[in-house]
Protein backbone atom coordinates (compact mmCIF):
# COMPACT_ATOMS: atom_id res chain seq x y z
CA MET A 1 6.60 -11.07 -17.18
CA LYS A 2 6.65 -11.23 -13.11
CA LYS A 3 7.08 -7.40 -12.95
CA LEU A 4 4.27 -6.99 -15.91
CA LEU A 5 1.96 -9.20 -13.66
CA THR A 6 2.83 -6.92 -10.55
CA LEU A 7 2.10 -3.98 -12.08
CA LEU A 8 -1.28 -5.14 -13.60
CA LEU A 9 -2.04 -6.45 -10.09
CA LEU A 10 -0.97 -3.12 -8.36
CA THR A 11 -3.13 -1.09 -11.07
CA ALA A 12 -5.94 -3.50 -10.54
CA THR A 13 -5.85 -3.00 -6.77
CA LEU A 14 -5.68 0.67 -6.72
CA SER A 15 -8.59 1.14 -9.08
CA ALA A 16 -10.44 -0.99 -6.86
CA CYS A 17 -10.15 1.66 -3.98
CA ASN A 18 -11.75 4.27 -6.29
CA ASN A 19 -14.70 2.00 -7.04
CA GLN A 20 -17.47 3.93 -5.01
CA GLU A 21 -19.35 0.43 -4.75
CA HIS A 22 -16.84 -1.12 -2.36
CA SER A 23 -18.63 -4.54 -2.90
CA GLY A 24 -15.81 -6.42 -1.15
CA ASN A 25 -15.50 -8.28 -4.57
CA LYS A 26 -12.40 -7.02 -6.82
CA ALA A 27 -13.98 -6.09 -10.17
CA ALA A 28 -12.14 -7.29 -13.19
CA PHE A 29 -11.33 -4.77 -15.64
CA ASP A 30 -9.11 -4.18 -18.76
CA GLN A 31 -5.60 -2.38 -19.02
CA SER A 32 -7.03 0.69 -20.65
CA GLU A 33 -9.59 1.34 -17.75
CA ALA A 34 -6.82 1.17 -15.45
CA ASN A 35 -4.44 3.51 -17.57
CA ASP A 36 -7.41 6.08 -17.75
CA HIS A 37 -7.33 6.65 -13.95
CA HIS A 38 -3.85 5.62 -12.93
CA GLY A 39 -1.67 5.61 -15.96
CA THR A 40 0.25 8.72 -15.19
CA PRO A 41 3.57 8.52 -13.13
CA ALA A 42 3.19 8.83 -9.52
CA GLU A 43 3.69 12.48 -8.00
CA LYS A 44 5.60 13.27 -4.93
CA LEU A 45 3.54 13.70 -1.83
CA VAL A 46 3.31 16.88 -0.35
CA LEU A 47 1.24 18.58 2.49
CA ASN A 48 -1.71 20.05 2.16
CA ASN A 49 -0.91 23.72 1.92
CA GLY A 50 1.42 22.92 5.11
CA ALA A 51 -1.39 21.12 6.85
CA LYS A 52 -1.65 17.33 7.24
CA TRP A 53 -4.27 15.36 4.80
CA LYS A 54 -7.45 14.29 6.44
CA VAL A 55 -8.11 10.81 6.30
CA ASP A 56 -11.22 8.94 7.68
CA VAL A 57 -11.17 6.92 10.76
CA THR A 58 -11.37 3.47 8.89
CA THR A 59 -8.16 4.60 6.93
CA ASN A 60 -6.45 5.51 9.83
CA ASN A 61 -7.09 2.12 11.69
CA ASN A 62 -6.37 0.13 8.60
CA VAL A 63 -2.77 2.06 8.34
CA LYS A 64 -2.21 1.87 12.22
CA TYR A 65 -2.60 -2.07 11.63
CA LEU A 66 -0.13 -1.84 9.10
CA GLN A 67 2.28 -0.11 11.16
CA VAL A 68 1.58 -2.73 14.37
CA ILE A 69 2.32 -5.32 12.17
CA LEU A 70 5.59 -4.00 11.20
CA LYS A 71 6.47 -2.93 14.68
CA GLN A 72 5.85 -6.52 15.78
CA PHE A 73 7.98 -8.18 13.08
CA ASN A 74 11.34 -5.54 13.86
CA ASN A 75 10.84 -6.32 17.66
CA GLY A 76 10.40 -10.13 17.06
CA ASN A 77 13.64 -12.67 16.78
CA ASP A 78 12.60 -14.42 13.69
CA HIS A 79 14.00 -12.75 10.57
CA SER A 80 14.17 -15.62 8.44
CA LEU A 81 13.38 -15.65 4.92
CA PRO A 82 9.75 -17.76 5.84
CA ALA A 83 9.08 -15.08 8.35
CA PHE A 84 9.34 -12.20 5.72
CA LYS A 85 7.07 -14.37 3.71
CA LYS A 86 4.67 -14.34 6.41
CA ILE A 87 4.85 -10.61 7.34
CA HIS A 88 4.39 -10.04 3.31
CA GLU A 89 1.01 -12.04 3.52
CA ARG A 90 0.13 -10.17 6.69
CA LEU A 91 0.85 -6.43 5.09
CA GLN A 92 -0.84 -7.74 1.54
CA GLN A 93 -4.08 -8.82 3.62
CA GLY A 94 -3.92 -5.41 5.39
CA ILE A 95 -3.59 -3.17 2.16
CA ASP A 96 -6.33 -5.15 0.54
CA LYS A 97 -8.45 -4.67 3.68
CA MET A 98 -7.82 -0.78 3.63
CA ILE A 99 -8.63 -0.82 -0.28
CA VAL A 100 -12.00 -2.57 0.05
CA GLU A 101 -12.94 -0.30 2.96
CA CYS A 102 -11.89 2.91 1.23
CA LYS A 103 -14.76 5.40 0.98
CA MET A 104 -12.55 8.38 0.56
CA THR A 105 -12.68 10.66 -2.17
CA GLY A 106 -11.47 14.03 -3.44
CA PRO A 107 -7.93 15.65 -2.93
CA ASP A 108 -7.11 13.84 0.21
CA HIS A 109 -7.91 10.43 -1.18
CA GLU A 110 -5.47 11.49 -4.04
CA ALA A 111 -2.83 12.21 -1.61
CA LEU A 112 -3.23 9.07 0.19
CA HIS A 113 -2.75 7.27 -3.22
CA LYS A 114 0.58 9.23 -3.31
CA TRP A 115 1.55 7.67 -0.38
CA LEU A 116 -0.14 4.13 -0.70
CA GLU A 117 1.23 3.07 -4.52
CA PRO A 118 4.48 3.20 -3.62
CA LEU A 119 3.77 0.92 -0.28
CA ILE A 120 2.00 -1.29 -2.52
CA ALA A 121 4.86 -1.91 -4.67
CA LEU A 122 7.63 -2.14 -1.88
CA VAL A 123 5.34 -4.76 -0.58
CA ALA A 124 5.33 -6.69 -4.02
CA GLN A 125 9.20 -6.30 -3.90
CA LEU A 126 9.08 -8.02 -0.47
CA LYS A 127 7.17 -10.99 -1.97
CA GLN A 128 9.91 -11.37 -4.68
CA ALA A 129 12.76 -11.64 -2.54
CA SER A 130 14.86 -14.40 -2.52
CA THR A 131 17.20 -14.04 0.10
CA VAL A 132 17.04 -12.58 3.70
CA PRO A 133 19.39 -9.41 2.63
CA GLU A 134 16.97 -8.80 -0.19
CA ALA A 135 13.60 -8.95 2.18
CA ALA A 136 15.46 -7.02 4.79
CA SER A 137 16.12 -4.10 2.15
CA ALA A 138 12.49 -4.34 0.99
CA LEU A 139 11.03 -4.21 4.62
CA LYS A 140 13.46 -1.35 5.70
CA ALA A 141 11.90 0.51 2.58
CA ILE A 142 8.33 -0.40 3.73
CA ASP A 143 9.18 0.92 7.10
CA SER A 144 10.15 4.05 5.80
CA GLN A 145 7.34 4.54 3.49
CA ALA A 146 4.67 3.56 6.35
CA ASN A 147 6.53 6.21 8.50
CA LEU A 148 5.75 8.60 6.23
CA TYR A 149 2.02 8.43 6.82
CA ASN A 150 2.13 10.16 10.23
CA GLN A 151 4.20 13.21 8.54
CA TYR A 152 1.42 13.90 5.71
CA PHE A 153 -1.88 12.30 7.12
CA GLU A 154 -3.97 13.22 10.56
């Protein structure tokens, strides 16, 4: 049941990113609408004919903020379970902000989703972690996904 709820929340969050109104409020919608847009399996992220994808300044700033959160945590000394829960909250808030502020469209936007969707799923795994080793493993995967951004986007 938790996995279904997480999947529904993930789908709702990603759908909100495509909302052209970007009102700041997360609109409710039913599962059939979510499947219409994000019901297909995630495709692999690739370069844009050998070049990096273009993203707007707001998206770049939001991703840099997520990367700073990760760097601060990794350079810190507190890697307790409560500290992992706190970084989850900060990452989730950063992702939510990025989605609310998203104004991108087109192929660059779709490429961004191929990077963002796995990141959101990994942050959800971090939330579910009940031990320090589980949380550390989830955070390591989040770090890897976050670092992919610089390889594929400018």
